[in-house]
């Protein structure tokens, strides 16, 4: 497999083709999880063969979440912007903490 990177014209950011392929395949896996969950949770109204097939597909398509985490880690570690830990979290505090507090509050009430 060729792990070439390509430069885009906007800001000259590197794009890795294999990362894009992993994202596409992972998106399809997440969609498969959501589709099969409706069949798995309605076990009394669906025939046994369909339920078993949906359960199999649902169980073996749990890997995309881990792939998204690994891709994020790869892109963060491959970035030249990563300084020390304090600067890393300081730059991302408003993007992480504010939505987190909002959604915690929203779901609590």
Foldseek 3Di string as FASTA:
>chain_A
DDFDWDFDPPPRDIDTPVLVVLLVVLVVLVVLLVVLVVLCVPVPPDDPVSNVVSVVSNVVSPCSVVSVVVSVVVVVVPDPPDDDPVVVCVVCVVVPVVVVVVVVVVVVD
